[in-house]
Amino acid sequence: MLSDATRLRLMWLLSSGEYDVSSLSAAIGVARPSVSQHLAKLRLAGLVQTRRDGRRVLYRARDAHVRAIINEALFHADHEVSGLPRHD
């Protein structure tokens, strides 16, 4: 699920708070229908959860474990891109 750049960007945002589809679309510059499709996949995979706020549906990372996975994936990518040495 995280191999897609759009889904990874969505998960990065959702790790820090709740967003509706319109806010996510504006934040990452991707059309709303595409964001909705990515969110549906992430939800089916159990990475995001939703709650209703009036007519809006708000999305967020499912829990602390998912947030930790996102952080580690991005730190790993940063090491790969920047050439920083690996550490075990």
C-alpha atoms as a PDB file:
ATOM      1  CA  MET A   1       0.000   0.000   0.000  1.00  0.00           C
ATOM      2  CA  LEU A   2       2.832   2.411   0.730  1.00  0.00           C
ATOM      3  CA  SER A   3       4.685   1.884  -2.530  1.00  0.00           C
ATOM      4  CA  ASP A   4       2.435   4.436  -4.237  1.00  0.00           C
ATOM      5  CA  ALA A   5       3.685   8.016  -3.769  1.00  0.00           C
ATOM      6  CA  THR A   6       0.183   9.469  -3.471  1.00  0.00           C
ATOM      7  CA  ARG A   7      -0.827   6.999  -0.768  1.00  0.00           C
ATOM      8  CA  LEU A   8       2.405   7.628   1.107  1.00  0.00           C
ATOM      9  CA  ARG A   9       1.803  11.387   1.028  1.00  0.00           C
ATOM     10  CA  LEU A  10      -1.766  10.834   2.228  1.00  0.00           C
ATOM     11  CA  MET A  11      -0.571   8.636   5.073  1.00  0.00           C
ATOM     12  CA  TRP A  12       2.057  11.209   6.065  1.00  0.00           C
ATOM     13  CA  LEU A  13      -0.676  13.837   6.426  1.00  0.00           C
ATOM     14  CA  LEU A  14      -3.076  11.452   8.149  1.00  0.00           C
ATOM     15  CA  SER A  15      -0.381  10.529  10.659  1.00  0.00           C
ATOM     16  CA  SER A  16      -0.506  14.049  12.031  1.00  0.00           C
ATOM     17  CA  GLY A  17      -4.256  14.639  12.180  1.00  0.00           C
ATOM     18  CA  GLU A  18      -7.699  14.293  10.668  1.00  0.00           C
ATOM     19  CA  TYR A  19      -8.609  15.503   7.196  1.00  0.00           C
ATOM     20  CA  ASP A  20     -11.546  15.328   4.850  1.00  0.00           C
ATOM     21  CA  VAL A  21     -11.158  14.438   1.166  1.00  0.00           C
ATOM     22  CA  SER A  22     -11.243  18.066   0.008  1.00  0.00           C
ATOM     23  CA  SER A  23      -8.495  19.122   2.426  1.00  0.00           C
ATOM     24  CA  LEU A  24      -6.310  16.172   1.449  1.00  0.00           C
ATOM     25  CA  SER A  25      -6.866  16.871  -2.230  1.00  0.00           C
ATOM     26  CA  ALA A  26      -5.825  20.495  -1.820  1.00  0.00           C
ATOM     27  CA  ALA A  27      -2.816  19.632   0.350  1.00  0.00           C
ATOM     28  CA  ILE A  28      -1.260  17.170  -2.100  1.00  0.00           C
ATOM     29  CA  GLY A  29      -2.556  18.630  -5.361  1.00  0.00           C
ATOM     30  CA  VAL A  30      -4.419  15.521  -6.528  1.00  0.00           C
ATOM     31  CA  ALA A  31      -7.999  15.421  -7.821  1.00  0.00           C
ATOM     32  CA  ARG A  32     -10.691  14.507  -5.279  1.00  0.00           C
ATOM     33  CA  PRO A  33     -11.831  11.328  -7.088  1.00  0.00           C
ATOM     34  CA  SER A  34      -8.284  10.017  -7.083  1.00  0.00           C
ATOM     35  CA  VAL A  35      -7.814  10.843  -3.396  1.00  0.00           C
ATOM     36  CA  SER A  36     -11.095   9.079  -2.618  1.00  0.00           C
ATOM     37  CA  GLN A  37      -9.968   5.940  -4.437  1.00  0.00           C
ATOM     38  CA  HIS A  38      -6.634   5.893  -2.613  1.00  0.00           C
ATOM     39  CA  LEU A  39      -8.370   6.405   0.726  1.00  0.00           C
ATOM     40  CA  ALA A  40     -10.731   3.510   0.001  1.00  0.00           C
ATOM     41  CA  LYS A  41      -7.736   1.223  -0.588  1.00  0.00           C
ATOM     42  CA  LEU A  42      -6.002   2.426   2.563  1.00  0.00           C
ATOM     43  CA  ARG A  43      -9.179   1.890   4.542  1.00  0.00           C
ATOM     44  CA  LEU A  44      -9.625  -1.645   3.197  1.00  0.00           C
ATOM     45  CA  ALA A  45      -6.016  -2.378   4.157  1.00  0.00           C
ATOM     46  CA  GLY A  46      -6.749  -1.232   7.716  1.00  0.00           C
ATOM     47  CA  LEU A  47      -4.333   1.695   7.644  1.00  0.00           C
ATOM     48  CA  VAL A  48      -6.894   4.483   8.063  1.00  0.00           C
ATOM     49  CA  GLN A  49     -10.118   4.913   9.950  1.00  0.00           C
ATOM     50  CA  THR A  50     -12.957   7.349   9.549  1.00  0.00           C
ATOM     51  CA  ARG A  51     -15.428   9.273  11.629  1.00  0.00           C
ATOM     52  CA  ARG A  52     -18.362  11.365  10.609  1.00  0.00           C
ATOM     53  CA  ASP A  53     -18.529  15.062  11.452  1.00  0.00           C
ATOM     54  CA  GLY A  54     -21.901  16.249  10.196  1.00  0.00           C
ATOM     55  CA  ARG A  55     -21.830  15.728   6.429  1.00  0.00           C
ATOM     56  CA  ARG A  56     -18.051  15.343   6.262  1.00  0.00           C
ATOM     57  CA  VAL A  57     -16.085  12.144   6.659  1.00  0.00           C
ATOM     58  CA  LEU A  58     -12.759  12.636   8.404  1.00  0.00           C
ATOM     59  CA  TYR A  59      -9.843  10.283   7.858  1.00  0.00           C
ATOM     60  CA  ARG A  60      -6.834   9.597  10.090  1.00  0.00           C
ATOM     61  CA  ALA A  61      -4.121   7.004  10.538  1.00  0.00           C
ATOM     62  CA  ARG A  62      -5.581   4.028  12.359  1.00  0.00           C
ATOM     63  CA  ASP A  63      -3.310   3.983  15.422  1.00  0.00           C
ATOM     64  CA  ALA A  64       0.173   4.543  16.835  1.00  0.00           C
ATOM     65  CA  HIS A  65       1.486   1.412  15.115  1.00  0.00           C
ATOM     66  CA  VAL A  66       0.495   2.728  11.682  1.00  0.00           C
ATOM     67  CA  ARG A  67       2.006   6.136  12.467  1.00  0.00           C
ATOM     68  CA  ALA A  68       5.261   4.416  13.493  1.00  0.00           C
ATOM     69  CA  ILE A  69       5.335   2.439  10.219  1.00  0.00           C
ATOM     70  CA  ILE A  70       4.893   5.636   8.208  1.00  0.00           C
ATOM     71  CA  ASN A  71       7.664   7.404  10.147  1.00  0.00           C
ATOM     72  CA  GLU A  72      10.054   4.484   9.702  1.00  0.00           C
ATOM     73  CA  ALA A  73       9.275   4.189   5.978  1.00  0.00           C
ATOM     74  CA  LEU A  74      10.015   7.873   5.456  1.00  0.00           C
ATOM     75  CA  PHE A  75      13.188   7.783   7.566  1.00  0.00           C
ATOM     76  CA  HIS A  76      14.353   4.792   5.553  1.00  0.00           C
ATOM     77  CA  ALA A  77      13.630   6.593   2.284  1.00  0.00           C
ATOM     78  CA  ASP A  78      15.533   9.631   3.560  1.00  0.00           C
ATOM     79  CA  HIS A  79      18.581   7.442   4.262  1.00  0.00           C
ATOM     80  CA  GLU A  80      18.382   5.935   0.787  1.00  0.00           C
ATOM     81  CA  VAL A  81      18.033   9.281  -0.980  1.00  0.00           C
ATOM     82  CA  SER A  82      20.525  11.255   1.076  1.00  0.00           C
ATOM     83  CA  GLY A  83      23.180   8.536   1.201  1.00  0.00           C
ATOM     84  CA  LEU A  84      23.314   8.530   4.998  1.00  0.00           C
ATOM     85  CA  PRO A  85      24.897   5.344   6.338  1.00  0.00           C
ATOM     86  CA  ARG A  86      22.611   2.581   7.520  1.00  0.00           C
ATOM     87  CA  HIS A  87      22.422   1.820  11.190  1.00  0.00           C
ATOM     88  CA  ASP A  88      21.171  -1.338  12.846  1.00  0.00           C
END
